[in-house]
Amino acid sequence: MEAYIILAIGVWQIVVIVLLVLLLFGGRKIPELMRGVGQGMKEFKKATSDDSDDDKEEEEEPRVRKKLKND
């Protein structure tokens, strides 16, 4: 049901949201805010990819230890 509400946003609602953002922050602050959002997303993606890399390394460690014990 929540997904339906998100999809129900129309053009006029988006226009109102954009106008409110312009009124609250002004035209000069918006690029700075968007830059911050972009950097935050970039750091989040980096952190999640680093986390998945750590998981792969943890899976490989027991194999290496087994090989060393066998030699």
C-alpha atoms as a PDB file:
ATOM      1  CA  MET A   1       0.000   0.000   0.000  1.00  0.00           C
ATOM      2  CA  GLU A   2       2.887   2.362   0.732  1.00  0.00           C
ATOM      3  CA  ALA A   3       4.304   1.843  -2.754  1.00  0.00           C
ATOM      4  CA  TYR A   4       0.955   2.875  -4.207  1.00  0.00           C
ATOM      5  CA  ILE A   5       1.067   6.141  -2.267  1.00  0.00           C
ATOM      6  CA  ILE A   6       4.528   6.927  -3.631  1.00  0.00           C
ATOM      7  CA  LEU A   7       3.372   6.231  -7.172  1.00  0.00           C
ATOM      8  CA  ALA A   8       0.320   8.449  -6.672  1.00  0.00           C
ATOM      9  CA  ILE A   9       2.413  11.639  -6.595  1.00  0.00           C
ATOM     10  CA  GLY A  10       1.396  13.770  -9.529  1.00  0.00           C
ATOM     11  CA  VAL A  11       2.978  16.626 -11.435  1.00  0.00           C
ATOM     12  CA  TRP A  12       1.323  19.313  -9.326  1.00  0.00           C
ATOM     13  CA  GLN A  13       2.562  17.783  -6.099  1.00  0.00           C
ATOM     14  CA  ILE A  14       6.107  17.763  -7.452  1.00  0.00           C
ATOM     15  CA  VAL A  15       5.771  21.410  -8.524  1.00  0.00           C
ATOM     16  CA  VAL A  16       4.579  22.377  -5.036  1.00  0.00           C
ATOM     17  CA  ILE A  17       7.479  20.501  -3.407  1.00  0.00           C
ATOM     18  CA  VAL A  18      10.017  22.204  -5.692  1.00  0.00           C
ATOM     19  CA  LEU A  19       8.535  25.628  -4.956  1.00  0.00           C
ATOM     20  CA  LEU A  20       8.640  24.987  -1.209  1.00  0.00           C
ATOM     21  CA  VAL A  21      12.289  23.941  -1.425  1.00  0.00           C
ATOM     22  CA  LEU A  22      13.091  27.092  -3.393  1.00  0.00           C
ATOM     23  CA  LEU A  23      11.323  29.270  -0.845  1.00  0.00           C
ATOM     24  CA  LEU A  24      12.954  27.593   2.147  1.00  0.00           C
ATOM     25  CA  PHE A  25      16.533  27.376   0.920  1.00  0.00           C
ATOM     26  CA  GLY A  26      16.816  29.869  -1.916  1.00  0.00           C
ATOM     27  CA  GLY A  27      18.329  29.339  -5.332  1.00  0.00           C
ATOM     28  CA  ARG A  28      21.941  29.674  -4.206  1.00  0.00           C
ATOM     29  CA  LYS A  29      21.819  27.015  -1.507  1.00  0.00           C
ATOM     30  CA  ILE A  30      20.238  24.280  -3.625  1.00  0.00           C
ATOM     31  CA  PRO A  31      23.418  23.315  -5.578  1.00  0.00           C
ATOM     32  CA  GLU A  32      25.296  23.095  -2.283  1.00  0.00           C
ATOM     33  CA  LEU A  33      22.584  20.898  -0.790  1.00  0.00           C
ATOM     34  CA  MET A  34      22.523  18.628  -3.841  1.00  0.00           C
ATOM     35  CA  ARG A  35      26.303  18.345  -3.764  1.00  0.00           C
ATOM     36  CA  GLY A  36      26.078  17.208  -0.142  1.00  0.00           C
ATOM     37  CA  VAL A  37      23.404  14.665  -1.008  1.00  0.00           C
ATOM     38  CA  GLY A  38      25.573  13.345  -3.844  1.00  0.00           C
ATOM     39  CA  GLN A  39      28.609  13.004  -1.594  1.00  0.00           C
ATOM     40  CA  GLY A  40      26.515  11.224   1.003  1.00  0.00           C
ATOM     41  CA  MET A  41      25.229   8.747  -1.572  1.00  0.00           C
ATOM     42  CA  LYS A  42      28.771   8.191  -2.850  1.00  0.00           C
ATOM     43  CA  GLU A  43      30.047   7.449   0.669  1.00  0.00           C
ATOM     44  CA  PHE A  44      27.100   5.128   1.329  1.00  0.00           C
ATOM     45  CA  LYS A  45      27.773   3.152  -1.861  1.00  0.00           C
ATOM     46  CA  LYS A  46      31.472   2.951  -0.993  1.00  0.00           C
ATOM     47  CA  ALA A  47      30.697   1.716   2.513  1.00  0.00           C
ATOM     48  CA  THR A  48      28.275  -0.930   1.286  1.00  0.00           C
ATOM     49  CA  SER A  49      30.698  -2.162  -1.375  1.00  0.00           C
ATOM     50  CA  ASP A  50      33.511  -2.278   1.210  1.00  0.00           C
ATOM     51  CA  ASP A  51      31.249  -4.303   3.481  1.00  0.00           C
ATOM     52  CA  SER A  52      30.508  -6.825   0.743  1.00  0.00           C
ATOM     53  CA  ASP A  53      34.247  -7.064  -0.028  1.00  0.00           C
ATOM     54  CA  ASP A  54      34.884  -7.849   3.658  1.00  0.00           C
ATOM     55  CA  ASP A  55      32.325 -10.644   3.515  1.00  0.00           C
ATOM     56  CA  LYS A  56      34.088 -12.177   0.504  1.00  0.00           C
ATOM     57  CA  GLU A  57      37.449 -12.039   2.301  1.00  0.00           C
ATOM     58  CA  GLU A  58      35.979 -13.763   5.359  1.00  0.00           C
ATOM     59  CA  GLU A  59      34.698 -16.579   3.144  1.00  0.00           C
ATOM     60  CA  GLU A  60      38.121 -17.028   1.512  1.00  0.00           C
ATOM     61  CA  GLU A  61      40.142 -17.120   4.765  1.00  0.00           C
ATOM     62  CA  PRO A  62      39.075 -20.626   5.887  1.00  0.00           C
ATOM     63  CA  ARG A  63      40.057 -22.048   2.488  1.00  0.00           C
ATOM     64  CA  VAL A  64      43.531 -20.543   2.777  1.00  0.00           C
ATOM     65  CA  ARG A  65      43.950 -21.867   6.308  1.00  0.00           C
ATOM     66  CA  LYS A  66      42.906 -25.364   5.212  1.00  0.00           C
ATOM     67  CA  LYS A  67      45.440 -25.323   2.406  1.00  0.00           C
ATOM     68  CA  LEU A  68      48.192 -24.172   4.768  1.00  0.00           C
ATOM     69  CA  LYS A  69      47.377 -26.944   7.266  1.00  0.00           C
ATOM     70  CA  ASN A  70      47.453 -29.572   4.550  1.00  0.00           C
ATOM     71  CA  ASP A  71      50.899 -28.490   3.290  1.00  0.00           C
END
